[in-house]
Each structure stands twice: as structure tokens, then as C-alpha cells.
Amino acid sequence: MNSKRSKHWCALITGFFALFVVVVLSDGMDKTFYVKAKRIYTCDSNRIIEDGGFLIDGKKIIRVDKKVKPPKNARLIDLKDKIVIPGFIDSHSYFGFHEEDYSVRTEPAPPWRFAYSAYLRALSLREKKVLPPRIYAHYNASDAVFYRDASFTKPLSEGITTASISIPTEYLVGGVSFCAKLSANSPSEFIVLDPAGADFSLRVKENVMMRYGDLKKVFLEAIEYRRKFEKYKKDLKKYKESHRKEKNKDKKDITPQKETKEPKEPLKNEDHEVVLQILERKIPALIRASRIHEVQAAIKIRDEFKINVILVGAHEAYKVADEIALKKISVIAGPEAVQVIKGRKVNYIKELLEENVLVAFCSDSSASSAFLPFQLSYAIQHGLSEVEALNVLTINAARILGIANRTGSIAPGKDADFVVLNGKPFDLSTRVDKVYINGRMVYSNE
């Protein structure tokens, strides 16, 4: 009886083990697959491959072939007449932040506000927009965004796989931004780069120079903060040396010595610590500036403090494109690709690119990602080439954000982030069929 029972258990265990091996092997087969497509825009040295393919093992692209060469151990995904492009990158967005989260008051309104509101309504006047709570330099966008936020579905359906996410605010200081994959199984997979930069805004309706002065003060205060800590370290070193000499002094020497007091350590300031990272060129300053005098103020800040500045918006930056190119300042354009200035349509992205300025493109929004391809298709109608349009949403963005080692192109060693289209990129009739992030299909239109 016992032998029959033991045989039964042995057979059961053997069956489970065999099933486990099959699952593991099949999982390994699924992770290694070969993608074949009619056309592949690699965005790697502007290469376009006709009837080629690329091999993916796990999360990475292993090789890219001009002629289809699928290995025997890899699953073949034949996309037939479809087109493949790298995943789009939104270079400056507020994904994961919802308008109702940051426009609602976080503190009770003062009693007089109700009377004031009633007075305005009686006069049929609109009350001024209430600004969101003040943001400080050390506030991290990554602390506030959930890695599985439901709002990521919309940008994914438009082919956006990666985004630089900032805190939405109209204040001078905007906190710390980060780069993220818009579909992830864990927080560690979600975050690509953190911090990616610190946000500031020179956009203001009236006195730009006053805001420039306020921003300059932010950097000067951080420099003074650093000076205090450097002085403290020197004083502490002197104190320790004098204390050591006092201990080693001959006991017979009764000459009175002046007592050295231990220096007091200055208080840590998280805001200044973030600004110091910019001053030490560890992270860039993302400065929102649209009009020409805002752009010039940002350039002036860059020159005075020798920091790495990335202009965001920069609609009139084309007016000083030669200076921007000379100083190697990158531009994240958007959310409009073509500006109407004094009745004339200006493709400022094209004009910046012609001066060899590194340009990316952004939605500058939490919900307008659908307009990214549309805006660039409009820019193509006004002189931008198809390859240039792809670059500003892929490899250029990756280079500006500092994540080109992982994404932005279809190339060996990069993350397997790509989009399958049913037609030419930026054609208004083209739709996104599938989206892959880290070799995993995260969206399908089928």
C-alpha cells in the first residue's frame, strides 16, 4: 500500500517538475524573438532599413539586420507590411499629475475670500486663477507619481514609451524632474533616470528681469550656503589639529593656552543642495522660457553661473539660434511646432535645427500627448523632414535628457522600446498598432 502511495507521489512530483521545465523553457523562448518588418526607422545615424529585422533577448536589442536573419531558437514576429519606429519620448510633461490634484486649494480659504468672491460675481468679473501650492527645489516629481497610473494608457496608444515628468507649477522654482517608462511592472523598472534635472520658469507676463533677479538670487544663496560649509570644514580641521596638539603637549608645560571652540555646523538646506547639483553640473537646469527676452535671461543665467541649461518651450529662440548653437544649449520645443508671429508662420524647430541646435519636442502637459505626432506632421508640411521630425521625438530627446544609452533608437544594446505603425510616421491616417517597452507588448490596437 505504501509503495503504491509512494509511486503515486513520485509520478505527481515528476509531472509537476516536467510542467515547470516546459513553462521555464517556453518563457525563455518568448523572451527571445526576432522582429521582421517592411521598414525600420532606426534613428541610429538616420538609418532606414527596408525589409530588415532585429533580434531581442529579454529587455534588450541584440542586433539589427539589413537582411532578415532570425536565429533558430528565436520566435519570429513577422509584421509583414508594417513600419517600426523607436518609442517616442515626451521630453517635458506632467504625466501622472491630474489637474484636479494641483489646482484645488490645499488650505481653507480665509473668511474675507467669500465676501470678495461675492463682490466679484456681483460685478460679473472673473476671479483670478488660484495658483497651486508653492513648490520648492527639493520636491521630487518621482515621489508623487504612481508607476501604474491609469492616465499613461493614452500616451502609450500614441506611441509614447518614455517621458520626462515634472511637477506642474507656475512658480519660479519647479522641483526635480525624472525620466520614466510609461509601462512598468515595478517602481525600479518605471524610473529610468532620477534626478533628470531641476525645473525653473522665466515665463511671466510682465517684468521678466525681476524674475531673472529672483532666479539669480536662488543660485547666489546656494553659493553662499556652500561657502559656509567650506568654511566650517576648514575650521573643524583646525579645531581637530589644535585639540590633538593639546593632548600631546608636554605635561610640564604649564603655559596657559587659548581654548579653541569647536565650530558649529551650519544647518542643512535641501533646496540649496539641489541647486548645488546644478552648479556642479551634475544635473541640468530646465528653464521654461518662451519669448525672446525670457530666452535671453536664461542664457544670461547660464553664462553667469557656468551651468548646463536646457531651454523648454523656447518659441522665439530661433531669433538667437546662432548664439544658442555656439554655447551648445539644447532646446525642448513645444507644445506648438509652428508659431504664427505677426501673421507669418515660423517653423522655429526647423530654424533651430538648421543652426545645428539639438532640439527635442514635448507636450508640456499632463493630457495633450495625442497632439505630439499631429504637431510634427504640421511642421513637416512647413519644411521639417520626416527624419528630423522622428529625431526630435526619439534620439534627440534621449540625448538631451541623458538617457541615450538606453533608449531613443533601435540599436544593439538599447532597451527594446519600439512602436509598430500601419503606415508612414506622422501621416494623419496612420495608426499605432502595437507598442513594446523592454521587449514586452504593452499596447495593442487589435
Protein backbone atom coordinates (compact mmCIF):
# COMPACT_ATOMS: atom_id res chain seq x y z
CA MET A 1 0.00 0.00 0.00
CA ASN A 2 2.80 2.34 0.97
CA SER A 3 4.72 1.50 -2.22
CA LYS A 4 1.65 2.32 -4.33
CA ARG A 5 1.25 5.66 -2.50
CA SER A 6 4.95 6.49 -2.90
CA LYS A 7 4.76 5.67 -6.64
CA HIS A 8 1.73 7.93 -6.92
CA TRP A 9 3.56 10.85 -5.24
CA CYS A 10 6.68 10.26 -7.37
CA ALA A 11 4.58 10.41 -10.55
CA LEU A 12 2.84 13.56 -9.33
CA ILE A 13 6.14 15.31 -8.45
CA THR A 14 7.67 14.24 -11.78
CA GLY A 15 4.66 15.67 -13.61
CA PHE A 16 4.89 19.00 -11.78
CA PHE A 17 8.64 19.16 -12.45
CA ALA A 18 8.11 18.47 -16.18
CA LEU A 19 5.41 21.16 -16.33
CA PHE A 20 7.76 23.61 -14.58
CA VAL A 21 10.55 22.90 -17.09
CA VAL A 22 8.14 23.40 -20.02
CA VAL A 23 6.94 26.73 -18.60
CA VAL A 24 10.50 27.94 -17.98
CA LEU A 25 11.66 26.91 -21.45
CA SER A 26 8.65 28.42 -23.16
CA ASP A 27 9.15 31.61 -21.15
CA GLY A 28 12.75 31.73 -22.35
CA MET A 29 11.60 31.25 -25.93
CA ASP A 30 9.11 34.11 -25.59
CA LYS A 31 11.84 36.42 -24.30
CA THR A 32 14.00 35.79 -27.35
CA PHE A 33 12.22 36.88 -30.50
CA TYR A 34 13.00 38.32 -33.90
CA VAL A 35 11.03 41.20 -35.40
CA LYS A 36 10.70 41.41 -39.19
CA ALA A 37 9.15 44.49 -40.81
CA LYS A 38 8.70 46.17 -44.17
CA ARG A 39 10.56 49.27 -43.00
CA ILE A 40 12.52 50.08 -39.84
CA TYR A 41 13.38 53.64 -38.88
CA THR A 42 16.28 53.04 -36.51
CA CYS A 43 17.00 56.74 -35.68
CA ASP A 44 20.59 55.46 -35.36
CA SER A 45 22.62 57.66 -37.75
CA ASN A 46 19.33 58.27 -39.62
CA ARG A 47 19.31 54.71 -40.98
CA ILE A 48 16.15 53.38 -42.64
CA ILE A 49 16.16 49.62 -43.26
CA GLU A 50 13.90 48.09 -45.89
CA ASP A 51 12.70 44.50 -45.31
CA GLY A 52 15.03 44.02 -42.36
CA GLY A 53 14.75 42.82 -38.81
CA PHE A 54 16.20 42.93 -35.31
CA LEU A 55 16.77 40.40 -32.54
CA ILE A 56 15.54 40.90 -28.98
CA ASP A 57 16.71 38.89 -25.99
CA GLY A 58 14.84 39.74 -22.80
CA LYS A 59 14.65 43.52 -22.48
CA LYS A 60 17.44 44.42 -24.90
CA ILE A 61 18.01 44.64 -28.64
CA ILE A 62 20.87 42.29 -29.54
CA ARG A 63 21.39 43.10 -33.20
CA VAL A 64 19.82 44.92 -36.15
CA ASP A 65 19.97 43.28 -39.61
CA LYS A 66 19.68 44.79 -43.09
CA LYS A 67 18.65 41.32 -44.27
CA VAL A 68 16.36 39.11 -42.22
CA LYS A 69 18.37 36.50 -40.25
CA PRO A 70 16.18 35.04 -37.49
CA PRO A 71 18.02 32.53 -35.20
CA LYS A 72 16.53 29.07 -34.83
CA ASN A 73 15.92 29.47 -31.10
CA ALA A 74 14.02 32.78 -31.50
CA ARG A 75 10.30 33.26 -32.02
CA LEU A 76 9.63 35.11 -35.29
CA ILE A 77 7.25 38.10 -35.30
CA ASP A 78 6.53 38.84 -38.94
CA LEU A 79 4.94 42.29 -39.18
CA LYS A 80 4.58 41.95 -42.98
CA ASP A 81 3.83 45.43 -44.42
CA LYS A 82 4.04 47.28 -41.09
CA ILE A 83 6.55 50.01 -40.17
CA VAL A 84 8.64 50.05 -36.97
CA ILE A 85 9.99 53.14 -35.23
CA PRO A 86 11.64 53.71 -31.83
CA GLY A 87 9.28 54.63 -29.00
CA PHE A 88 8.50 58.34 -28.81
CA ILE A 89 9.91 60.37 -25.90
CA ASP A 90 7.94 63.27 -24.43
CA SER A 91 10.80 65.49 -23.25
CA HIS A 92 8.81 67.63 -20.79
CA SER A 93 5.45 66.50 -19.45
CA TYR A 94 3.29 66.34 -16.34
CA PHE A 95 2.12 62.73 -16.78
CA GLY A 96 0.73 61.26 -13.59
CA PHE A 97 -0.34 64.67 -12.28
CA HIS A 98 -4.02 65.42 -12.76
CA GLU A 99 -5.42 68.93 -12.88
CA GLU A 100 -7.82 68.25 -10.05
CA ASP A 101 -4.84 67.24 -7.88
CA TYR A 102 -2.93 70.51 -8.10
CA SER A 103 -5.50 73.20 -8.79
CA VAL A 104 -7.71 72.51 -5.78
CA ARG A 105 -6.87 74.51 -2.64
CA THR A 106 -4.90 72.62 -0.01
CA GLU A 107 -5.69 75.11 2.77
CA PRO A 108 -9.04 76.58 3.91
CA ALA A 109 -9.86 79.91 2.25
CA PRO A 110 -9.65 82.95 4.56
CA PRO A 111 -13.05 84.35 5.72
CA TRP A 112 -12.70 87.52 3.64
CA ARG A 113 -12.37 85.47 0.45
CA PHE A 114 -16.05 84.56 0.38
CA ALA A 115 -17.10 88.23 0.57
CA TYR A 116 -14.51 89.12 -2.10
CA SER A 117 -15.77 86.33 -4.40
CA ALA A 118 -19.35 87.52 -3.96
CA TYR A 119 -18.25 91.06 -4.77
CA LEU A 120 -16.56 89.89 -8.00
CA ARG A 121 -19.62 87.85 -9.00
CA ALA A 122 -21.82 90.89 -8.40
CA LEU A 123 -19.61 92.88 -10.77
CA SER A 124 -19.58 89.95 -13.24
CA LEU A 125 -15.79 89.80 -13.04
CA ARG A 126 -13.75 86.65 -13.24
CA GLU A 127 -11.74 85.76 -10.17
CA LYS A 128 -8.01 85.34 -10.80
CA LYS A 129 -6.78 81.79 -11.16
CA VAL A 130 -5.63 80.32 -7.86
CA LEU A 131 -2.05 79.12 -8.13
CA PRO A 132 -1.20 75.65 -6.84
CA PRO A 133 0.74 75.34 -3.59
CA ARG A 134 4.28 76.71 -3.75
CA ILE A 135 6.92 74.28 -4.98
CA TYR A 136 10.43 74.09 -3.51
CA ALA A 137 13.62 73.00 -5.26
CA HIS A 138 13.92 69.72 -3.35
CA TYR A 139 10.40 68.49 -4.22
CA ASN A 140 10.76 65.35 -6.35
CA ALA A 141 8.22 64.55 -9.06
CA SER A 142 9.08 60.84 -8.68
CA ASP A 143 7.69 60.91 -5.11
CA ALA A 144 4.26 61.97 -6.37
CA VAL A 145 3.69 59.81 -9.48
CA PHE A 146 2.31 56.26 -9.28
CA TYR A 147 4.12 53.90 -11.64
CA ARG A 148 0.87 52.33 -12.82
CA ASP A 149 -1.16 55.49 -13.24
CA ALA A 150 -4.19 54.88 -15.47
CA SER A 151 -3.52 58.11 -17.40
CA PHE A 152 -0.44 56.51 -19.03
CA THR A 153 -2.71 54.50 -21.34
CA LYS A 154 -3.43 57.47 -23.61
CA PRO A 155 0.20 58.43 -24.37
CA LEU A 156 1.03 54.73 -24.86
CA SER A 157 -1.67 54.50 -27.52
CA GLU A 158 0.05 57.38 -29.34
CA GLY A 159 3.41 55.58 -29.33
CA ILE A 160 4.99 57.42 -26.40
CA THR A 161 7.05 54.97 -24.37
CA THR A 162 9.21 57.29 -22.25
CA ALA A 163 8.67 60.72 -20.70
CA SER A 164 10.46 63.31 -18.64
CA ILE A 165 7.99 64.13 -15.87
CA SER A 166 7.99 67.43 -13.96
CA ILE A 167 5.80 68.97 -11.27
CA PRO A 168 3.21 71.32 -12.80
CA THR A 169 3.61 74.82 -11.39
CA GLU A 170 3.71 78.44 -12.48
CA TYR A 171 6.23 79.44 -9.83
CA LEU A 172 9.89 80.31 -10.41
CA VAL A 173 11.12 77.05 -8.86
CA GLY A 174 9.53 73.81 -10.06
CA GLY A 175 11.26 70.98 -8.20
CA VAL A 176 13.15 67.96 -9.56
CA SER A 177 12.07 66.06 -12.68
CA PHE A 178 12.71 62.42 -13.63
CA CYS A 179 12.55 60.16 -16.71
CA ALA A 180 10.18 57.20 -16.72
CA LYS A 181 8.89 54.31 -18.83
CA LEU A 182 5.12 54.60 -19.18
CA SER A 183 4.54 50.90 -18.57
CA ALA A 184 6.42 49.06 -15.85
CA ASN A 185 5.99 46.10 -13.50
CA SER A 186 7.81 47.77 -10.61
CA PRO A 187 8.94 51.22 -9.43
CA SER A 188 12.55 50.36 -10.26
CA GLU A 189 11.60 49.48 -13.85
CA PHE A 190 9.47 52.63 -14.03
CA ILE A 191 12.28 55.10 -13.28
CA VAL A 192 14.93 55.46 -15.98
CA LEU A 193 16.76 58.49 -14.55
CA ASP A 194 16.20 60.34 -11.27
CA PRO A 195 17.03 63.17 -10.96
CA ALA A 196 16.90 64.22 -14.62
CA GLY A 197 17.05 67.95 -13.91
CA ALA A 198 15.66 70.79 -11.83
CA ASP A 199 12.82 72.93 -13.19
CA PHE A 200 12.65 76.72 -13.23
CA SER A 201 10.37 79.14 -15.05
CA LEU A 202 11.13 82.56 -16.51
CA ARG A 203 7.70 82.75 -18.11
CA VAL A 204 5.97 85.81 -16.74
CA LYS A 205 3.51 88.31 -18.24
CA GLU A 206 5.25 91.45 -17.08
CA ASN A 207 8.69 92.05 -15.54
CA VAL A 208 11.00 89.30 -16.79
CA MET A 209 14.09 90.95 -15.31
CA MET A 210 12.53 90.83 -11.86
CA ARG A 211 12.06 87.08 -12.22
CA TYR A 212 15.59 86.81 -13.61
CA GLY A 213 16.80 88.59 -10.46
CA ASP A 214 14.86 86.14 -8.29
CA LEU A 215 16.41 83.17 -10.12
CA LYS A 216 19.89 84.69 -9.81
CA LYS A 217 19.27 85.05 -6.08
CA VAL A 218 18.45 81.32 -5.86
CA PHE A 219 21.91 80.48 -7.23
CA LEU A 220 23.74 83.13 -5.18
CA GLU A 221 22.15 81.87 -1.96
CA ALA A 222 23.27 78.32 -2.80
CA ILE A 223 26.84 79.58 -3.43
CA GLU A 224 26.82 81.37 -0.04
CA TYR A 225 25.47 78.17 1.57
CA ARG A 226 28.37 76.21 0.02
CA ARG A 227 30.86 78.83 1.23
CA LYS A 228 29.61 78.47 4.82
CA PHE A 229 30.06 74.69 4.70
CA GLU A 230 33.53 75.01 3.20
CA LYS A 231 34.47 77.43 6.00
CA TYR A 232 33.01 75.05 8.58
CA LYS A 233 35.11 72.16 7.23
CA LYS A 234 38.30 74.26 7.40
CA ASP A 235 37.50 75.45 10.92
CA LEU A 236 36.70 71.90 12.02
CA LYS A 237 40.02 70.67 10.64
CA LYS A 238 41.90 73.41 12.53
CA TYR A 239 39.99 72.59 15.71
CA LYS A 240 40.84 68.88 15.49
CA GLU A 241 44.52 69.65 14.88
CA SER A 242 44.70 72.04 17.84
CA HIS A 243 42.84 69.52 20.02
CA ARG A 244 45.32 66.80 19.04
CA LYS A 245 48.29 69.07 19.82
CA GLU A 246 46.76 69.92 23.19
CA LYS A 247 46.57 66.24 24.10
CA ASN A 248 50.18 65.57 23.02
CA LYS A 249 51.57 68.65 24.83
CA ASP A 250 54.26 68.10 27.48
CA LYS A 251 52.64 67.91 30.93
CA LYS A 252 55.47 70.07 32.39
CA ASP A 253 54.50 72.91 30.07
CA ILE A 254 52.12 74.96 32.21
CA THR A 255 51.89 77.90 29.81
CA PRO A 256 48.21 78.82 29.52
CA GLN A 257 46.79 78.23 26.04
CA LYS A 258 43.82 79.95 24.48
CA GLU A 259 40.97 77.45 24.28
CA THR A 260 39.71 76.75 20.74
CA LYS A 261 35.97 76.28 20.46
CA GLU A 262 34.53 73.59 18.25
CA PRO A 263 32.86 75.24 15.19
CA LYS A 264 29.11 74.86 14.84
CA GLU A 265 27.92 73.01 11.74
CA PRO A 266 25.53 75.06 9.54
CA LEU A 267 22.01 73.74 9.10
CA LYS A 268 21.40 71.57 6.04
CA ASN A 269 19.12 73.08 3.40
CA GLU A 270 17.63 70.61 0.90
CA ASP A 271 16.75 73.35 -1.59
CA HIS A 272 20.32 74.64 -1.71
CA GLU A 273 21.61 71.07 -2.03
CA VAL A 274 19.60 70.63 -5.25
CA VAL A 275 20.84 73.95 -6.65
CA LEU A 276 24.42 72.92 -5.82
CA GLN A 277 23.98 69.86 -8.02
CA ILE A 278 23.22 72.26 -10.89
CA LEU A 279 26.19 74.48 -10.07
CA GLU A 280 28.44 71.40 -10.03
CA ARG A 281 26.94 70.37 -13.41
CA LYS A 282 25.65 67.08 -12.06
CA ILE A 283 22.14 67.82 -13.34
CA PRO A 284 20.84 70.40 -15.86
CA ALA A 285 18.60 73.38 -15.17
CA LEU A 286 15.39 73.03 -17.22
CA ILE A 287 14.35 76.65 -17.73
CA ARG A 288 10.95 77.38 -19.24
CA ALA A 289 11.27 80.43 -21.47
CA SER A 290 9.15 81.34 -24.49
CA ARG A 291 9.60 84.95 -25.56
CA ILE A 292 12.94 86.31 -26.71
CA HIS A 293 13.69 88.30 -23.53
CA GLU A 294 12.91 85.21 -21.42
CA VAL A 295 15.27 83.15 -23.58
CA GLN A 296 17.99 85.82 -23.28
CA ALA A 297 17.55 85.90 -19.49
CA ALA A 298 18.03 82.12 -19.37
CA ILE A 299 21.20 82.41 -21.48
CA LYS A 300 22.46 85.13 -19.12
CA ILE A 301 21.93 82.82 -16.11
CA ARG A 302 23.82 80.08 -17.96
CA ASP A 303 26.77 82.40 -18.66
CA GLU A 304 26.96 83.87 -15.15
CA PHE A 305 26.97 80.55 -13.29
CA LYS A 306 28.53 78.28 -15.96
CA ILE A 307 25.72 75.74 -15.66
CA ASN A 308 24.11 73.32 -18.09
CA VAL A 309 20.86 74.93 -19.26
CA ILE A 310 18.11 73.27 -21.31
CA LEU A 311 15.51 75.68 -22.69
CA VAL A 312 11.90 74.45 -22.52
CA GLY A 313 9.31 75.94 -24.90
CA ALA A 314 11.70 78.49 -26.43
CA HIS A 315 9.27 79.63 -29.14
CA GLU A 316 11.38 82.67 -30.03
CA ALA A 317 14.77 81.01 -29.51
CA TYR A 318 15.25 80.93 -33.29
CA LYS A 319 15.96 84.68 -33.11
CA VAL A 320 19.24 83.91 -31.30
CA ALA A 321 19.79 80.41 -32.75
CA ASP A 322 23.42 81.12 -33.66
CA GLU A 323 24.24 82.11 -30.06
CA ILE A 324 22.40 79.06 -28.67
CA ALA A 325 24.30 76.78 -31.06
CA LEU A 326 27.65 78.39 -30.18
CA LYS A 327 27.03 77.86 -26.45
CA LYS A 328 25.74 74.30 -27.04
CA ILE A 329 22.42 74.94 -25.30
CA SER A 330 19.79 72.28 -26.01
CA VAL A 331 16.15 73.13 -26.66
CA ILE A 332 13.00 71.19 -25.77
CA ALA A 333 10.44 72.78 -28.09
CA GLY A 334 6.68 72.61 -27.74
CA PRO A 335 3.83 72.24 -27.35
CA GLU A 336 3.35 74.06 -30.69
CA ALA A 337 5.68 73.14 -33.56
CA VAL A 338 4.86 76.12 -35.79
CA GLN A 339 4.39 79.64 -34.42
CA VAL A 340 2.33 82.40 -36.03
CA ILE A 341 4.29 85.60 -35.45
CA LYS A 342 2.93 88.85 -36.92
CA GLY A 343 0.88 86.88 -39.44
CA ARG A 344 3.86 84.78 -40.55
CA LYS A 345 4.12 81.04 -39.86
CA VAL A 346 7.51 80.26 -38.34
CA ASN A 347 8.78 76.68 -38.16
CA TYR A 348 11.13 77.51 -35.30
CA ILE A 349 12.18 73.86 -34.87
CA LYS A 350 13.45 73.80 -38.46
CA GLU A 351 15.28 77.09 -37.98
CA LEU A 352 16.98 75.84 -34.81
CA LEU A 353 17.99 72.56 -36.46
CA GLU A 354 19.49 74.46 -39.40
CA GLU A 355 21.80 76.20 -36.92
CA ASN A 356 22.83 72.77 -35.51
CA VAL A 357 20.95 73.25 -32.24
CA LEU A 358 20.00 69.94 -30.57
CA VAL A 359 16.17 70.04 -30.44
CA ALA A 360 13.60 67.71 -28.87
CA PHE A 361 9.82 68.09 -28.61
CA CYS A 362 7.35 67.96 -25.72
CA SER A 363 3.68 68.20 -24.81
CA ASP A 364 4.36 70.35 -21.70
CA SER A 365 1.11 68.89 -20.44
CA SER A 366 -0.48 66.08 -18.45
CA ALA A 367 -3.05 65.24 -21.13
CA SER A 368 -2.06 66.58 -24.58
CA SER A 369 0.28 63.81 -25.74
CA ALA A 370 -2.05 62.94 -28.62
CA PHE A 371 -1.08 66.21 -30.30
CA LEU A 372 2.65 65.42 -30.48
CA PRO A 373 2.55 63.49 -33.81
CA PHE A 374 -0.10 65.90 -35.14
CA GLN A 375 2.03 68.97 -34.34
CA LEU A 376 5.05 67.44 -36.04
CA SER A 377 3.02 66.43 -39.10
CA TYR A 378 2.07 70.12 -39.32
CA ALA A 379 5.77 71.04 -39.02
CA ILE A 380 6.56 68.61 -41.85
CA GLN A 381 4.08 70.50 -44.04
CA HIS A 382 6.13 73.62 -43.27
CA GLY A 383 9.59 72.33 -44.15
CA LEU A 384 10.61 69.82 -41.48
CA SER A 385 11.72 66.47 -42.94
CA GLU A 386 10.26 63.15 -41.81
CA VAL A 387 13.63 62.05 -40.38
CA GLU A 388 14.08 65.35 -38.50
CA ALA A 389 10.59 65.01 -37.01
CA LEU A 390 11.36 61.46 -35.86
CA ASN A 391 14.66 62.52 -34.35
CA VAL A 392 13.17 65.30 -32.21
CA LEU A 393 10.81 62.75 -30.66
CA THR A 394 13.39 59.97 -30.24
CA ILE A 395 17.18 60.14 -30.31
CA ASN A 396 17.46 63.94 -29.85
CA ALA A 397 15.21 63.75 -26.80
CA ALA A 398 17.23 60.84 -25.37
CA ARG A 399 20.50 62.76 -25.83
CA ILE A 400 19.16 65.93 -24.22
CA LEU A 401 17.73 64.04 -21.24
CA GLY A 402 20.85 61.90 -20.78
CA ILE A 403 19.22 58.52 -21.46
CA ALA A 404 20.56 57.82 -24.98
CA ASN A 405 22.47 54.81 -23.64
CA ARG A 406 19.13 53.10 -23.06
CA THR A 407 16.53 54.42 -25.46
CA GLY A 408 15.85 56.75 -28.40
CA SER A 409 16.87 54.42 -31.23
CA ILE A 410 16.69 50.83 -32.46
CA ALA A 411 20.30 49.75 -31.97
CA PRO A 412 22.25 46.92 -30.29
CA GLY A 413 22.41 47.30 -26.51
CA LYS A 414 19.39 49.61 -26.29
CA ASP A 415 16.15 48.82 -24.47
CA ALA A 416 13.63 47.07 -26.71
CA ASP A 417 11.24 50.06 -26.88
CA PHE A 418 9.56 50.29 -30.27
CA VAL A 419 6.26 51.10 -31.97
CA VAL A 420 4.50 49.29 -34.82
CA LEU A 421 2.65 51.57 -37.27
CA ASN A 422 0.22 50.69 -40.06
CA GLY A 423 1.56 53.50 -42.26
CA LYS A 424 4.16 56.24 -42.61
CA PRO A 425 5.13 58.15 -39.45
CA PHE A 426 3.24 61.44 -38.98
CA ASP A 427 0.74 60.67 -41.73
CA LEU A 428 -2.63 61.70 -40.28
CA SER A 429 -4.18 58.41 -41.44
CA THR A 430 -1.51 56.31 -39.70
CA ARG A 431 -2.43 54.49 -36.51
CA VAL A 432 -0.37 52.82 -33.79
CA ASP A 433 -0.86 49.05 -33.94
CA LYS A 434 1.40 47.87 -31.12
CA VAL A 435 3.78 49.31 -28.56
CA TYR A 436 6.64 47.43 -26.90
CA ILE A 437 8.57 48.52 -23.81
CA ASN A 438 11.55 46.49 -22.58
CA GLY A 439 10.63 43.75 -25.04
CA ARG A 440 7.10 43.42 -23.64
CA MET A 441 3.98 44.34 -25.60
CA VAL A 442 2.17 46.97 -23.52
CA TYR A 443 -0.42 48.18 -26.05
CA SER A 444 -2.27 46.63 -28.97
CA ASN A 445 -4.89 48.17 -31.24
CA GLU A 446 -6.13 44.76 -32.35
